[in-house]
Amino acid sequence: MKGKYQKVQDNPSLVRDNSSDAIININDTAYKARLRQIEESKKQAQQAEKIDKLESDVEEIKTCYNN
């Protein structure tokens, strides 16, 4: 890791890529937890979309039934 990466001061989980100046999280556990968090967020968004669609469909059925 020496040469290509430089440790970030006061944070052992982060390094700086010397060629691009990018900050990289090298804490695998935190990375996996963040991926799980992103996946859960996507699932919640999909569920919200499904609920919105169902509510819209119910309203459409009500409108058709009342006419």
PDB file of N, CA and C in Angstrom:
ATOM      1  N   MET A   1       0.837  -1.181   0.000  1.00  0.00           N
ATOM      2  CA  MET A   1       0.000   0.000   0.000  1.00  0.00           C
ATOM      3  C   MET A   1       0.883   1.246   0.000  1.00  0.00           C
ATOM      4  N   LYS A   2       2.060   1.122   0.440  1.00  0.00           N
ATOM      5  CA  LYS A   2       2.966   2.265   0.487  1.00  0.00           C
ATOM      6  C   LYS A   2       3.323   2.702  -0.932  1.00  0.00           C
ATOM      7  N   GLY A   3       3.300   3.986  -1.183  1.00  0.00           N
ATOM      8  CA  GLY A   3       3.621   4.503  -2.505  1.00  0.00           C
ATOM      9  C   GLY A   3       2.375   4.842  -3.289  1.00  0.00           C
ATOM     10  N   LYS A   4       1.454   3.902  -3.394  1.00  0.00           N
ATOM     11  CA  LYS A   4       0.227   4.146  -4.145  1.00  0.00           C
ATOM     12  C   LYS A   4      -0.818   4.870  -3.293  1.00  0.00           C
ATOM     13  N   TYR A   5      -0.865   4.550  -2.001  1.00  0.00           N
ATOM     14  CA  TYR A   5      -1.853   5.136  -1.095  1.00  0.00           C
ATOM     15  C   TYR A   5      -1.152   5.827   0.069  1.00  0.00           C
ATOM     16  N   GLN A   6      -1.818   6.826   0.581  1.00  0.00           N
ATOM     17  CA  GLN A   6      -1.318   7.548   1.741  1.00  0.00           C
ATOM     18  C   GLN A   6      -2.420   7.544   2.799  1.00  0.00           C
ATOM     19  N   LYS A   7      -2.066   7.237   4.040  1.00  0.00           N
ATOM     20  CA  LYS A   7      -3.063   7.210   5.111  1.00  0.00           C
ATOM     21  C   LYS A   7      -3.638   8.603   5.322  1.00  0.00           C
ATOM     22  N   VAL A   8      -4.937   8.643   5.618  1.00  0.00           N
ATOM     23  CA  VAL A   8      -5.603   9.899   5.941  1.00  0.00           C
ATOM     24  C   VAL A   8      -5.445  10.118   7.436  1.00  0.00           C
ATOM     25  N   GLN A   9      -5.013  11.317   7.790  1.00  0.00           N
ATOM     26  CA  GLN A   9      -4.762  11.641   9.192  1.00  0.00           C
ATOM     27  C   GLN A   9      -6.042  11.500  10.023  1.00  0.00           C
ATOM     28  N   ASP A  10      -5.946  10.906  11.171  1.00  0.00           N
ATOM     29  CA  ASP A  10      -7.033  10.749  12.148  1.00  0.00           C
ATOM     30  C   ASP A  10      -8.152   9.834  11.680  1.00  0.00           C
ATOM     31  N   ASN A  11      -7.939   9.056  10.636  1.00  0.00           N
ATOM     32  CA  ASN A  11      -8.972   8.109  10.206  1.00  0.00           C
ATOM     33  C   ASN A  11      -8.304   6.878   9.583  1.00  0.00           C
ATOM     34  N   PRO A  12      -8.150   5.801  10.367  1.00  0.00           N
ATOM     35  CA  PRO A  12      -7.459   4.614   9.861  1.00  0.00           C
ATOM     36  C   PRO A  12      -8.235   3.858   8.781  1.00  0.00           C
ATOM     37  N   SER A  13      -9.501   4.183   8.581  1.00  0.00           N
ATOM     38  CA  SER A  13     -10.307   3.490   7.572  1.00  0.00           C
ATOM     39  C   SER A  13     -10.186   4.117   6.195  1.00  0.00           C
ATOM     40  N   LEU A  14      -9.514   5.263   6.098  1.00  0.00           N
ATOM     41  CA  LEU A  14      -9.433   5.968   4.829  1.00  0.00           C
ATOM     42  C   LEU A  14      -7.993   6.119   4.359  1.00  0.00           C
ATOM     43  N   VAL A  15      -7.817   6.013   3.036  1.00  0.00           N
ATOM     44  CA  VAL A  15      -6.520   6.286   2.413  1.00  0.00           C
ATOM     45  C   VAL A  15      -6.754   7.183   1.202  1.00  0.00           C
ATOM     46  N   ARG A  16      -5.702   7.890   0.801  1.00  0.00           N
ATOM     47  CA  ARG A  16      -5.773   8.736  -0.390  1.00  0.00           C
ATOM     48  C   ARG A  16      -4.958   8.072  -1.494  1.00  0.00           C
ATOM     49  N   ASP A  17      -5.575   7.924  -2.664  1.00  0.00           N
ATOM     50  CA  ASP A  17      -4.890   7.402  -3.840  1.00  0.00           C
ATOM     51  C   ASP A  17      -3.997   8.518  -4.372  1.00  0.00           C
ATOM     52  N   ASN A  18      -2.707   8.282  -4.387  1.00  0.00           N
ATOM     53  CA  ASN A  18      -1.759   9.323  -4.788  1.00  0.00           C
ATOM     54  C   ASN A  18      -1.868   9.704  -6.261  1.00  0.00           C
ATOM     55  N   SER A  19      -2.355   8.818  -7.099  1.00  0.00           N
ATOM     56  CA  SER A  19      -2.440   9.137  -8.527  1.00  0.00           C
ATOM     57  C   SER A  19      -3.678   9.961  -8.878  1.00  0.00           C
ATOM     58  N   SER A  20      -4.761   9.801  -8.127  1.00  0.00           N
ATOM     59  CA  SER A  20      -6.004  10.518  -8.456  1.00  0.00           C
ATOM     60  C   SER A  20      -6.475  11.459  -7.340  1.00  0.00           C
ATOM     61  N   ASP A  21      -5.826  11.410  -6.184  1.00  0.00           N
ATOM     62  CA  ASP A  21      -6.224  12.166  -4.997  1.00  0.00           C
ATOM     63  C   ASP A  21      -7.580  11.732  -4.443  1.00  0.00           C
ATOM     64  N   ALA A  22      -8.115  10.614  -4.879  1.00  0.00           N
ATOM     65  CA  ALA A  22      -9.393  10.102  -4.379  1.00  0.00           C
ATOM     66  C   ALA A  22      -9.212   9.560  -2.963  1.00  0.00           C
ATOM     67  N   ILE A  23     -10.241   9.736  -2.146  1.00  0.00           N
ATOM     68  CA  ILE A  23     -10.262   9.156  -0.809  1.00  0.00           C
ATOM     69  C   ILE A  23     -10.960   7.801  -0.916  1.00  0.00           C
ATOM     70  N   ILE A  24     -10.337   6.770  -0.383  1.00  0.00           N
ATOM     71  CA  ILE A  24     -10.854   5.405  -0.487  1.00  0.00           C
ATOM     72  C   ILE A  24     -11.065   4.837   0.906  1.00  0.00           C
ATOM     73  N   ASN A  25     -12.241   4.264   1.125  1.00  0.00           N
ATOM     74  CA  ASN A  25     -12.545   3.604   2.383  1.00  0.00           C
ATOM     75  C   ASN A  25     -12.019   2.175   2.290  1.00  0.00           C
ATOM     76  N   ILE A  26     -11.102   1.820   3.154  1.00  0.00           N
ATOM     77  CA  ILE A  26     -10.531   0.472   3.135  1.00  0.00           C
ATOM     78  C   ILE A  26     -11.132  -0.416   4.220  1.00  0.00           C
ATOM     79  N   ASN A  27     -12.152   0.080   4.908  1.00  0.00           N
ATOM     80  CA  ASN A  27     -12.838  -0.685   5.946  1.00  0.00           C
ATOM     81  C   ASN A  27     -13.899  -1.542   5.260  1.00  0.00           C
ATOM     82  N   ASP A  28     -13.616  -2.803   5.073  1.00  0.00           N
ATOM     83  CA  ASP A  28     -14.500  -3.718   4.340  1.00  0.00           C
ATOM     84  C   ASP A  28     -15.858  -3.872   5.023  1.00  0.00           C
ATOM     85  N   THR A  29     -15.866  -3.907   6.347  1.00  0.00           N
ATOM     86  CA  THR A  29     -17.120  -4.051   7.084  1.00  0.00           C
ATOM     87  C   THR A  29     -18.028  -2.854   6.852  1.00  0.00           C
ATOM     88  N   ALA A  30     -17.464  -1.651   6.924  1.00  0.00           N
ATOM     89  CA  ALA A  30     -18.252  -0.432   6.694  1.00  0.00           C
ATOM     90  C   ALA A  30     -18.741  -0.378   5.252  1.00  0.00           C
ATOM     91  N   TYR A  31     -17.911  -0.807   4.322  1.00  0.00           N
ATOM     92  CA  TYR A  31     -18.289  -0.823   2.907  1.00  0.00           C
ATOM     93  C   TYR A  31     -19.477  -1.753   2.673  1.00  0.00           C
ATOM     94  N   LYS A  32     -19.409  -2.944   3.231  1.00  0.00           N
ATOM     95  CA  LYS A  32     -20.505  -3.907   3.071  1.00  0.00           C
ATOM     96  C   LYS A  32     -21.784  -3.407   3.742  1.00  0.00           C
ATOM     97  N   ALA A  33     -21.641  -2.753   4.901  1.00  0.00           N
ATOM     98  CA  ALA A  33     -22.805  -2.198   5.586  1.00  0.00           C
ATOM     99  C   ALA A  33     -23.444  -1.114   4.720  1.00  0.00           C
ATOM    100  N   ARG A  34     -22.634  -0.292   4.070  1.00  0.00           N
ATOM    101  CA  ARG A  34     -23.162   0.766   3.200  1.00  0.00           C
ATOM    102  C   ARG A  34     -23.867   0.157   1.993  1.00  0.00           C
ATOM    103  N   LEU A  35     -23.325  -0.904   1.418  1.00  0.00           N
ATOM    104  CA  LEU A  35     -23.988  -1.573   0.297  1.00  0.00           C
ATOM    105  C   LEU A  35     -25.344  -2.132   0.716  1.00  0.00           C
ATOM    106  N   ARG A  36     -25.416  -2.713   1.921  1.00  0.00           N
ATOM    107  CA  ARG A  36     -26.687  -3.220   2.433  1.00  0.00           C
ATOM    108  C   ARG A  36     -27.675  -2.074   2.627  1.00  0.00           C
ATOM    109  N   GLN A  37     -27.180  -0.946   3.122  1.00  0.00           N
ATOM    110  CA  GLN A  37     -28.025   0.224   3.334  1.00  0.00           C
ATOM    111  C   GLN A  37     -28.578   0.737   2.001  1.00  0.00           C
ATOM    112  N   ILE A  38     -27.761   0.777   0.988  1.00  0.00           N
ATOM    113  CA  ILE A  38     -28.200   1.222  -0.339  1.00  0.00           C
ATOM    114  C   ILE A  38     -29.248   0.263  -0.888  1.00  0.00           C
ATOM    115  N   GLU A  39     -29.024  -1.030  -0.745  1.00  0.00           N
ATOM    116  CA  GLU A  39     -29.968  -2.040  -1.235  1.00  0.00           C
ATOM    117  C   GLU A  39     -31.310  -1.921  -0.515  1.00  0.00           C
ATOM    118  N   GLU A  40     -31.268  -1.723   0.789  1.00  0.00           N
ATOM    119  CA  GLU A  40     -32.503  -1.569   1.571  1.00  0.00           C
ATOM    120  C   GLU A  40     -33.259  -0.318   1.134  1.00  0.00           C
ATOM    121  N   SER A  41     -32.536   0.734   0.881  1.00  0.00           N
ATOM    122  CA  SER A  41     -33.151   1.978   0.414  1.00  0.00           C
ATOM    123  C   SER A  41     -33.839   1.771  -0.935  1.00  0.00           C
ATOM    124  N   LYS A  42     -33.195   1.023  -1.818  1.00  0.00           N
ATOM    125  CA  LYS A  42     -33.795   0.713  -3.127  1.00  0.00           C
ATOM    126  C   LYS A  42     -35.076  -0.104  -2.955  1.00  0.00           C
ATOM    127  N   LYS A  43     -35.040  -1.084  -2.055  1.00  0.00           N
ATOM    128  CA  LYS A  43     -36.218  -1.908  -1.805  1.00  0.00           C
ATOM    129  C   LYS A  43     -37.369  -1.066  -1.272  1.00  0.00           C
ATOM    130  N   GLN A  44     -37.063  -0.140  -0.354  1.00  0.00           N
ATOM    131  CA  GLN A  44     -38.102   0.725   0.201  1.00  0.00           C
ATOM    132  C   GLN A  44     -38.696   1.626  -0.877  1.00  0.00           C
ATOM    133  N   ALA A  45     -37.857   2.124  -1.771  1.00  0.00           N
ATOM    134  CA  ALA A  45     -38.348   2.965  -2.865  1.00  0.00           C
ATOM    135  C   ALA A  45     -39.247   2.161  -3.796  1.00  0.00           C
ATOM    136  N   GLN A  46     -38.868   0.923  -4.088  1.00  0.00           N
ATOM    137  CA  GLN A  46     -39.690   0.059  -4.936  1.00  0.00           C
ATOM    138  C   GLN A  46     -41.031  -0.232  -4.279  1.00  0.00           C
ATOM    139  N   GLN A  47     -41.020  -0.482  -2.967  1.00  0.00           N
ATOM    140  CA  GLN A  47     -42.266  -0.740  -2.258  1.00  0.00           C
ATOM    141  C   GLN A  47     -43.167   0.491  -2.280  1.00  0.00           C
ATOM    142  N   ALA A  48     -42.581   1.661  -2.108  1.00  0.00           N
ATOM    143  CA  ALA A  48     -43.363   2.900  -2.146  1.00  0.00           C
ATOM    144  C   ALA A  48     -43.984   3.093  -3.527  1.00  0.00           C
ATOM    145  N   GLU A  49     -43.236   2.783  -4.579  1.00  0.00           N
ATOM    146  CA  GLU A  49     -43.770   2.882  -5.941  1.00  0.00           C
ATOM    147  C   GLU A  49     -44.932   1.911  -6.144  1.00  0.00           C
ATOM    148  N   LYS A  50     -44.784   0.689  -5.631  1.00  0.00           N
ATOM    149  CA  LYS A  50     -45.855  -0.296  -5.757  1.00  0.00           C
ATOM    150  C   LYS A  50     -47.107   0.164  -5.026  1.00  0.00           C
ATOM    151  N   ILE A  51     -46.929   0.707  -3.833  1.00  0.00           N
ATOM    152  CA  ILE A  51     -48.068   1.197  -3.059  1.00  0.00           C
ATOM    153  C   ILE A  51     -48.749   2.341  -3.796  1.00  0.00           C
ATOM    154  N   ASP A  52     -47.971   3.267  -4.322  1.00  0.00           N
ATOM    155  CA  ASP A  52     -48.535   4.382  -5.091  1.00  0.00           C
ATOM    156  C   ASP A  52     -49.320   3.874  -6.293  1.00  0.00           C
ATOM    157  N   LYS A  53     -48.779   2.865  -6.972  1.00  0.00           N
ATOM    158  CA  LYS A  53     -49.446   2.291  -8.146  1.00  0.00           C
ATOM    159  C   LYS A  53     -50.755   1.624  -7.732  1.00  0.00           C
ATOM    160  N   LEU A  54     -50.727   0.875  -6.636  1.00  0.00           N
ATOM    161  CA  LEU A  54     -51.945   0.223  -6.148  1.00  0.00           C
ATOM    162  C   LEU A  54     -53.010   1.251  -5.765  1.00  0.00           C
ATOM    163  N   GLU A  55     -52.596   2.309  -5.092  1.00  0.00           N
ATOM    164  CA  GLU A  55     -53.540   3.359  -4.718  1.00  0.00           C
ATOM    165  C   GLU A  55     -54.147   4.002  -5.962  1.00  0.00           C
ATOM    166  N   SER A  56     -53.327   4.226  -6.954  1.00  0.00           N
ATOM    167  CA  SER A  56     -53.807   4.800  -8.209  1.00  0.00           C
ATOM    168  C   SER A  56     -54.789   3.856  -8.895  1.00  0.00           C
ATOM    169  N   ASP A  57     -54.470   2.573  -8.904  1.00  0.00           N
ATOM    170  CA  ASP A  57     -55.354   1.578  -9.518  1.00  0.00           C
ATOM    171  C   ASP A  57     -56.693   1.512  -8.788  1.00  0.00           C
ATOM    172  N   VAL A  58     -56.662   1.566  -7.466  1.00  0.00           N
ATOM    173  CA  VAL A  58     -57.894   1.525  -6.684  1.00  0.00           C
ATOM    174  C   VAL A  58     -58.745   2.756  -7.000  1.00  0.00           C
ATOM    175  N   GLU A  59     -58.127   3.914  -7.076  1.00  0.00           N
ATOM    176  CA  GLU A  59     -58.861   5.132  -7.421  1.00  0.00           C
ATOM    177  C   GLU A  59     -59.484   5.025  -8.813  1.00  0.00           C
ATOM    178  N   GLU A  60     -58.743   4.443  -9.737  1.00  0.00           N
ATOM    179  CA  GLU A  60     -59.256   4.266 -11.098  1.00  0.00           C
ATOM    180  C   GLU A  60     -60.452   3.312 -11.095  1.00  0.00           C
ATOM    181  N   ILE A  61     -60.359   2.238 -10.337  1.00  0.00           N
ATOM    182  CA  ILE A  61     -61.465   1.277 -10.233  1.00  0.00           C
ATOM    183  C   ILE A  61     -62.676   1.944  -9.606  1.00  0.00           C
ATOM    184  N   LYS A  62     -62.469   2.731  -8.551  1.00  0.00           N
ATOM    185  CA  LYS A  62     -63.568   3.437  -7.907  1.00  0.00           C
ATOM    186  C   LYS A  62     -64.248   4.380  -8.893  1.00  0.00           C
ATOM    187  N   THR A  63     -63.442   5.100  -9.657  1.00  0.00           N
ATOM    188  CA  THR A  63     -63.988   6.047 -10.627  1.00  0.00           C
ATOM    189  C   THR A  63     -64.808   5.326 -11.688  1.00  0.00           C
ATOM    190  N   CYS A  64     -64.316   4.228 -12.186  1.00  0.00           N
ATOM    191  CA  CYS A  64     -65.025   3.464 -13.205  1.00  0.00           C
ATOM    192  C   CYS A  64     -66.309   2.859 -12.625  1.00  0.00           C
ATOM    193  N   TYR A  65     -66.248   2.404 -11.387  1.00  0.00           N
ATOM    194  CA  TYR A  65     -67.415   1.785 -10.754  1.00  0.00           C
ATOM    195  C   TYR A  65     -68.518   2.812 -10.493  1.00  0.00           C
ATOM    196  N   ASN A  66     -68.139   4.025 -10.113  1.00  0.00           N
ATOM    197  CA  ASN A  66     -69.104   5.078  -9.787  1.00  0.00           C
ATOM    198  C   ASN A  66     -69.724   5.708 -11.038  1.00  0.00           C
ATOM    199  N   ASN A  67     -69.155   5.465 -12.193  1.00  0.00           N
ATOM    200  CA  ASN A  67     -69.704   6.052 -13.425  1.00  0.00           C
ATOM    201  C   ASN A  67     -70.611   5.130 -14.104  1.00  0.00           C
TER     202      ASN A  67
END
